[in-house]
């Protein structure tokens, strides 16, 4: 399938979507389909359309900024360090050790910290209120409030979410040690080290 056919199909799809949008009554264009709710059941509060739009815009802005920061600053910096790790030394620790410990220990612990901030905090609130979603938590779709055992299990699952990542870091520590200790530097060209950087081979 050549590019012209793909572009033609894409244009037809966009055109069909626009026609369907325009033929939809104005009061229903931005309204999400509502699910049938069980009579007598208690449901969590939902975000309004304005709150949903604000949430999406903020999420897009933050994720876009993080992507650009990673793409044009952090990734080139990390790539340069990974390629020239034997040239660096931080407080007496060789760059190779820093590289492997960052990958096998630092990254899992960083993700565990993120899980603790964004997931475990929600679990604490669920356990505090004895229900999921917790009191005052808004949802994007009709969500029935659950209590008793299911709420306790959900709460603890959220609270303990960082543990697998911490276990991964504990598992990775000896592997990082083995990999960094096994590096001899015989196949690395230390003449490529940036100016002002001493090769770790010269600083055992």
Protein backbone atom coordinates (compact mmCIF):
# COMPACT_ATOMS: atom_id res chain seq x y z
CA UNK A 1 0.00 0.00 0.00
CA UNK A 2 1.61 3.23 -1.17
CA UNK A 3 1.65 6.56 0.61
CA UNK A 4 -1.06 8.11 -1.58
CA UNK A 5 -3.56 5.39 -0.64
CA UNK A 6 -2.75 5.72 3.06
CA UNK A 7 -3.15 9.51 2.95
CA UNK A 8 -6.42 9.17 0.99
CA UNK A 9 -7.85 6.73 3.54
CA UNK A 10 -6.78 9.01 6.39
CA UNK A 11 -8.45 12.01 4.77
CA UNK A 12 -11.64 10.00 4.21
CA UNK A 13 -11.64 8.90 7.83
CA UNK A 14 -11.18 12.45 9.12
CA UNK A 15 -13.90 13.66 6.76
CA UNK A 16 -16.33 11.00 7.93
CA UNK A 17 -15.61 11.89 11.56
CA UNK A 18 -16.24 15.58 10.88
CA UNK A 19 -19.54 14.81 9.13
CA UNK A 20 -20.66 12.62 12.04
CA UNK A 21 -19.66 15.35 14.49
CA UNK A 22 -21.58 18.05 12.61
CA UNK A 23 -24.68 15.88 12.28
CA UNK A 24 -24.73 15.19 16.02
CA UNK A 25 -27.02 17.58 17.96
CA UNK A 26 -25.01 20.37 19.59
CA UNK A 27 -26.12 19.43 23.11
CA UNK A 28 -24.82 15.87 22.61
CA UNK A 29 -21.52 16.50 20.84
CA UNK A 30 -19.37 16.65 23.98
CA UNK A 31 -21.51 14.48 26.20
CA UNK A 32 -20.13 11.08 27.13
CA UNK A 33 -22.50 8.11 26.95
CA UNK A 34 -23.87 7.32 30.39
CA UNK A 35 -23.85 3.80 31.69
CA UNK A 36 -26.92 2.26 33.25
CA UNK A 37 -26.75 2.64 37.01
CA UNK A 38 -28.08 0.17 39.55
CA UNK A 39 -31.05 1.51 41.46
CA UNK A 40 -30.26 2.17 45.11
CA UNK A 41 -26.50 1.88 44.64
CA UNK A 42 -24.16 4.68 45.69
CA UNK A 43 -21.92 6.21 43.06
CA UNK A 44 -18.89 8.50 43.30
CA UNK A 45 -19.08 12.07 42.10
CA UNK A 46 -18.01 12.64 38.50
CA UNK A 47 -15.93 15.38 36.95
CA UNK A 48 -17.88 18.00 35.07
CA UNK A 49 -17.11 18.60 31.40
CA UNK A 50 -15.14 21.73 32.30
CA UNK A 51 -13.09 19.86 34.90
CA UNK A 52 -12.39 17.07 32.41
CA UNK A 53 -11.22 19.54 29.80
CA UNK A 54 -8.96 21.28 32.33
CA UNK A 55 -7.56 17.94 33.49
CA UNK A 56 -6.78 16.86 29.91
CA UNK A 57 -5.18 20.20 29.01
CA UNK A 58 -3.01 20.21 32.14
CA UNK A 59 -2.00 16.58 31.55
CA UNK A 60 -1.10 17.32 27.94
CA UNK A 61 0.93 20.38 28.93
CA UNK A 62 2.85 18.56 31.68
CA UNK A 63 3.50 15.45 29.62
CA UNK A 64 4.54 17.56 26.65
CA UNK A 65 6.97 19.54 28.79
CA UNK A 66 8.41 16.34 30.31
CA UNK A 67 8.77 14.75 26.87
CA UNK A 68 10.59 17.78 25.48
CA UNK A 69 12.83 17.94 28.57
CA UNK A 70 13.68 14.25 28.22
CA UNK A 71 14.08 14.34 24.44
CA UNK A 72 16.28 17.43 24.12
CA UNK A 73 18.12 17.59 27.46
CA UNK A 74 18.03 14.51 29.66
CA UNK A 75 18.33 11.84 26.94
CA UNK A 76 21.35 13.42 25.19
CA UNK A 77 22.99 13.99 28.58
CA UNK A 78 22.36 10.38 29.64
CA UNK A 79 23.51 9.00 26.26
CA UNK A 80 26.74 10.97 26.47
CA UNK A 81 27.36 9.74 30.01
CA UNK A 82 26.56 6.11 29.12
CA UNK A 83 28.95 6.18 26.15
CA UNK A 84 31.74 7.79 28.15
CA UNK A 85 31.05 6.35 31.61
CA UNK A 86 34.64 5.07 32.12
CA UNK A 87 35.85 8.67 31.84
CA UNK A 88 33.91 9.88 34.87
CA UNK A 89 34.33 9.59 38.58
CA UNK A 90 31.93 10.91 41.24
CA UNK A 91 33.19 11.27 44.82
CA UNK A 92 35.57 8.36 44.33
CA UNK A 93 33.00 6.16 42.60
CA UNK A 94 33.76 5.21 38.99
CA UNK A 95 31.37 6.12 36.21
CA UNK A 96 30.78 2.47 35.29
CA UNK A 97 29.55 1.70 38.80
CA UNK A 98 27.34 4.79 38.73
CA UNK A 99 25.91 3.71 35.36
CA UNK A 100 24.97 0.18 36.42
CA UNK A 101 23.71 1.17 39.86
CA UNK A 102 21.59 3.90 38.27
CA UNK A 103 19.96 1.36 35.94
CA UNK A 104 19.56 -1.56 38.34
CA UNK A 105 18.98 0.27 41.63
CA UNK A 106 18.34 3.98 41.08
CA UNK A 107 15.67 3.63 38.40
CA UNK A 108 13.54 1.08 40.32
CA UNK A 109 13.79 3.19 43.49
CA UNK A 110 12.80 6.31 41.55
CA UNK A 111 9.75 4.49 40.18
CA UNK A 112 8.98 3.21 43.68
CA UNK A 113 9.04 6.79 44.96
CA UNK A 114 6.65 7.84 42.19
CA UNK A 115 4.35 4.93 43.05
CA UNK A 116 4.41 5.93 46.71
CA UNK A 117 3.47 9.51 45.87
CA UNK A 118 0.76 8.82 43.32
CA UNK A 119 -0.58 5.37 44.24
CA UNK A 120 0.15 4.68 47.91
CA UNK A 121 -1.33 8.02 48.97
CA UNK A 122 -4.62 7.02 47.35
CA UNK A 123 -4.47 3.69 49.16
CA UNK A 124 -4.09 5.44 52.51
CA UNK A 125 -7.20 7.51 51.80
CA UNK A 126 -9.14 4.41 50.77
CA UNK A 127 -8.19 2.63 54.01
CA UNK A 128 -8.98 5.78 56.01
CA UNK A 129 -12.49 6.11 54.57
CA UNK A 130 -13.17 2.40 54.20
CA UNK A 131 -14.43 2.81 50.65
CA UNK A 132 -13.21 2.96 47.08
CA UNK A 133 -13.29 5.54 45.57
CA UNK A 134 -12.50 7.42 48.78
CA UNK A 135 -14.71 10.27 49.97
CA UNK A 136 -14.54 13.30 47.73
CA UNK A 137 -12.70 11.50 44.93
CA UNK A 138 -14.15 12.36 41.54
CA UNK A 139 -14.25 9.92 38.66
CA UNK A 140 -14.46 10.21 34.88
CA UNK A 141 -17.22 7.63 34.53
CA UNK A 142 -20.04 6.32 36.74
CA UNK A 143 -18.22 4.36 39.43
CA UNK A 144 -20.03 2.44 42.11
CA UNK A 145 -18.68 2.91 45.64
CA UNK A 146 -17.43 -0.32 47.19
CA UNK A 147 -16.82 -0.95 50.86
CA UNK A 148 -15.93 -3.76 53.25
CA UNK A 149 -13.35 -6.36 52.13
CA UNK A 150 -12.96 -5.15 48.54
CA UNK A 151 -12.13 -1.64 49.78
CA UNK A 152 -9.56 -2.98 52.25
CA UNK A 153 -7.91 -5.17 49.61
CA UNK A 154 -7.86 -2.32 47.09
CA UNK A 155 -6.42 0.06 49.67
CA UNK A 156 -3.60 -2.29 50.67
CA UNK A 157 -2.86 -3.09 47.02
CA UNK A 158 -2.33 0.65 46.46
CA UNK A 159 -0.29 1.11 49.64
CA UNK A 160 2.02 -1.81 48.83
CA UNK A 161 2.45 -0.86 45.16
CA UNK A 162 6.08 0.37 45.64
CA UNK A 163 7.24 -2.93 47.20
CA UNK A 164 7.79 -4.87 43.93
CA UNK A 165 9.94 -2.00 42.67
CA UNK A 166 11.94 -1.94 45.91
CA UNK A 167 12.40 -5.71 45.59
CA UNK A 168 13.61 -5.17 42.03
CA UNK A 169 16.19 -2.67 43.32
CA UNK A 170 17.36 -5.16 45.98
CA UNK A 171 17.65 -7.84 43.30
CA UNK A 172 19.52 -5.48 41.00
CA UNK A 173 22.15 -4.35 43.53
CA UNK A 174 24.36 -7.48 43.33
CA UNK A 175 23.98 -7.56 39.55
CA UNK A 176 25.13 -3.95 39.32
CA UNK A 177 28.10 -4.80 41.54
CA UNK A 178 29.01 -7.80 39.40
CA UNK A 179 28.76 -5.90 36.13
CA UNK A 180 30.73 -2.90 37.35
CA UNK A 181 33.42 -5.08 38.93
CA UNK A 182 33.75 -7.09 35.74
CA UNK A 183 34.56 -4.04 33.64
CA UNK A 184 38.26 -3.99 32.78
CA UNK A 185 38.36 -1.07 30.37
CA UNK A 186 40.65 -2.89 27.97
CA UNK A 187 38.37 -2.28 24.98
CA UNK A 188 37.61 1.34 25.79
CA UNK A 189 39.46 4.16 24.06
CA UNK A 190 40.31 6.56 26.89
CA UNK A 191 41.67 9.10 24.42
CA UNK A 192 38.04 9.96 23.58
CA UNK A 193 37.33 11.20 27.10
CA UNK A 194 36.15 14.81 27.27
CA UNK A 195 38.75 17.42 28.10
CA UNK A 196 39.34 17.76 31.81
CA UNK A 197 38.01 14.26 32.57
CA UNK A 198 40.39 11.66 33.97
CA UNK A 199 39.85 8.09 32.87
CA UNK A 200 38.88 5.78 35.70
CA UNK A 201 41.66 3.43 34.61
CA UNK A 202 44.07 6.07 35.78
CA UNK A 203 42.28 6.43 39.12
CA UNK A 204 41.80 2.90 40.51
